[in-house]
Amino acid sequence: MGPRDVTVHEITEASDEIVESIARLLPQLSSSSSAPTGREVAEMASSPATVLFVAREEGGRIVGSLTLA
């Protein structure tokens, strides 16, 4: 498997795609954590106290996320 082109984007509004992607990715980090709700993702994305990033592969699929607080 070769390297993939990935771009990182700051998220300031929660969409269904963002919420679903975070729910899909979260089990890779923790089997006991529940996925955040759409409202919780919206709060993270719009909060001045946090910055939410997603990584998209060349085809547009979200393959990672990062939240800084």
C-alpha atoms as a PDB file:
ATOM      1  CA  MET A   1       0.000   0.000   0.000  1.00  0.00           C
ATOM      2  CA  GLY A   2       1.426   3.363  -1.044  1.00  0.00           C
ATOM      3  CA  PRO A   3       1.022   6.781   0.553  1.00  0.00           C
ATOM      4  CA  ARG A   4      -2.285   8.604   0.206  1.00  0.00           C
ATOM      5  CA  ASP A   5      -2.830  12.267  -0.472  1.00  0.00           C
ATOM      6  CA  VAL A   6      -4.591  13.707   2.565  1.00  0.00           C
ATOM      7  CA  THR A   7      -5.732  17.260   3.214  1.00  0.00           C
ATOM      8  CA  VAL A   8      -6.632  18.722   6.594  1.00  0.00           C
ATOM      9  CA  HIS A   9      -9.561  21.089   7.034  1.00  0.00           C
ATOM     10  CA  GLU A  10     -10.794  23.076  10.027  1.00  0.00           C
ATOM     11  CA  ILE A  11     -14.463  22.393  10.763  1.00  0.00           C
ATOM     12  CA  THR A  12     -16.569  25.290  12.034  1.00  0.00           C
ATOM     13  CA  GLU A  13     -20.029  23.773  11.474  1.00  0.00           C
ATOM     14  CA  ALA A  14     -21.225  20.233  12.060  1.00  0.00           C
ATOM     15  CA  SER A  15     -22.788  18.421   9.112  1.00  0.00           C
ATOM     16  CA  ASP A  16     -24.245  14.930   8.995  1.00  0.00           C
ATOM     17  CA  GLU A  17     -21.076  13.814   7.202  1.00  0.00           C
ATOM     18  CA  ILE A  18     -18.849  15.133  10.018  1.00  0.00           C
ATOM     19  CA  VAL A  19     -20.996  13.600  12.772  1.00  0.00           C
ATOM     20  CA  GLU A  20     -21.146  10.216  10.996  1.00  0.00           C
ATOM     21  CA  SER A  21     -17.411  10.225  10.313  1.00  0.00           C
ATOM     22  CA  ILE A  22     -16.538  10.952  13.933  1.00  0.00           C
ATOM     23  CA  ALA A  23     -18.891   8.151  15.009  1.00  0.00           C
ATOM     24  CA  ARG A  24     -17.148   5.807  12.544  1.00  0.00           C
ATOM     25  CA  LEU A  25     -13.643   6.783  13.648  1.00  0.00           C
ATOM     26  CA  LEU A  26     -14.132   6.948  17.434  1.00  0.00           C
ATOM     27  CA  PRO A  27     -14.123   3.164  18.049  1.00  0.00           C
ATOM     28  CA  GLN A  28     -10.518   3.110  16.775  1.00  0.00           C
ATOM     29  CA  LEU A  29      -9.574   5.142  19.848  1.00  0.00           C
ATOM     30  CA  SER A  30     -11.880   3.698  22.475  1.00  0.00           C
ATOM     31  CA  SER A  31     -14.223   0.750  22.582  1.00  0.00           C
ATOM     32  CA  SER A  32     -16.055   2.161  25.608  1.00  0.00           C
ATOM     33  CA  SER A  33     -16.675   5.759  24.498  1.00  0.00           C
ATOM     34  CA  SER A  34     -19.991   6.597  22.933  1.00  0.00           C
ATOM     35  CA  ALA A  35     -20.105   8.674  19.765  1.00  0.00           C
ATOM     36  CA  PRO A  36     -20.893  12.356  20.272  1.00  0.00           C
ATOM     37  CA  THR A  37     -24.311  13.563  19.210  1.00  0.00           C
ATOM     38  CA  GLY A  38     -24.781  16.024  16.399  1.00  0.00           C
ATOM     39  CA  ARG A  39     -25.381  18.744  18.959  1.00  0.00           C
ATOM     40  CA  GLU A  40     -22.119  17.889  20.771  1.00  0.00           C
ATOM     41  CA  VAL A  41     -20.133  17.972  17.516  1.00  0.00           C
ATOM     42  CA  ALA A  42     -21.768  21.308  16.642  1.00  0.00           C
ATOM     43  CA  GLU A  43     -20.735  22.692  20.041  1.00  0.00           C
ATOM     44  CA  MET A  44     -17.135  21.502  19.537  1.00  0.00           C
ATOM     45  CA  ALA A  45     -16.977  22.957  16.019  1.00  0.00           C
ATOM     46  CA  SER A  46     -18.384  26.354  16.956  1.00  0.00           C
ATOM     47  CA  SER A  47     -16.754  26.789  20.358  1.00  0.00           C
ATOM     48  CA  PRO A  48     -14.034  29.437  20.669  1.00  0.00           C
ATOM     49  CA  ALA A  49     -12.339  27.096  23.174  1.00  0.00           C
ATOM     50  CA  THR A  50     -11.795  24.231  20.690  1.00  0.00           C
ATOM     51  CA  VAL A  51     -10.616  23.687  17.139  1.00  0.00           C
ATOM     52  CA  LEU A  52     -11.881  20.672  15.192  1.00  0.00           C
ATOM     53  CA  PHE A  53      -9.956  19.359  12.192  1.00  0.00           C
ATOM     54  CA  VAL A  54     -10.703  16.509   9.803  1.00  0.00           C
ATOM     55  CA  ALA A  55      -8.369  14.763   7.378  1.00  0.00           C
ATOM     56  CA  ARG A  56      -9.776  13.867   3.971  1.00  0.00           C
ATOM     57  CA  GLU A  57      -8.196  11.469   1.529  1.00  0.00           C
ATOM     58  CA  GLU A  58      -8.070  12.361  -2.154  1.00  0.00           C
ATOM     59  CA  GLY A  59     -11.542  10.939  -2.856  1.00  0.00           C
ATOM     60  CA  GLY A  60     -13.085  13.133  -0.138  1.00  0.00           C
ATOM     61  CA  ARG A  61     -13.610  10.441   2.512  1.00  0.00           C
ATOM     62  CA  ILE A  62     -12.846  11.585   6.051  1.00  0.00           C
ATOM     63  CA  VAL A  63     -10.091   9.373   7.436  1.00  0.00           C
ATOM     64  CA  GLY A  64      -9.174  11.175  10.655  1.00  0.00           C
ATOM     65  CA  SER A  65     -10.074  13.904  13.094  1.00  0.00           C
ATOM     66  CA  LEU A  66      -8.360  15.995  15.738  1.00  0.00           C
ATOM     67  CA  THR A  67      -9.819  18.233  18.406  1.00  0.00           C
ATOM     68  CA  LEU A  68      -7.631  20.798  20.153  1.00  0.00           C
ATOM     69  CA  ALA A  69      -8.825  22.446  23.340  1.00  0.00           C
END
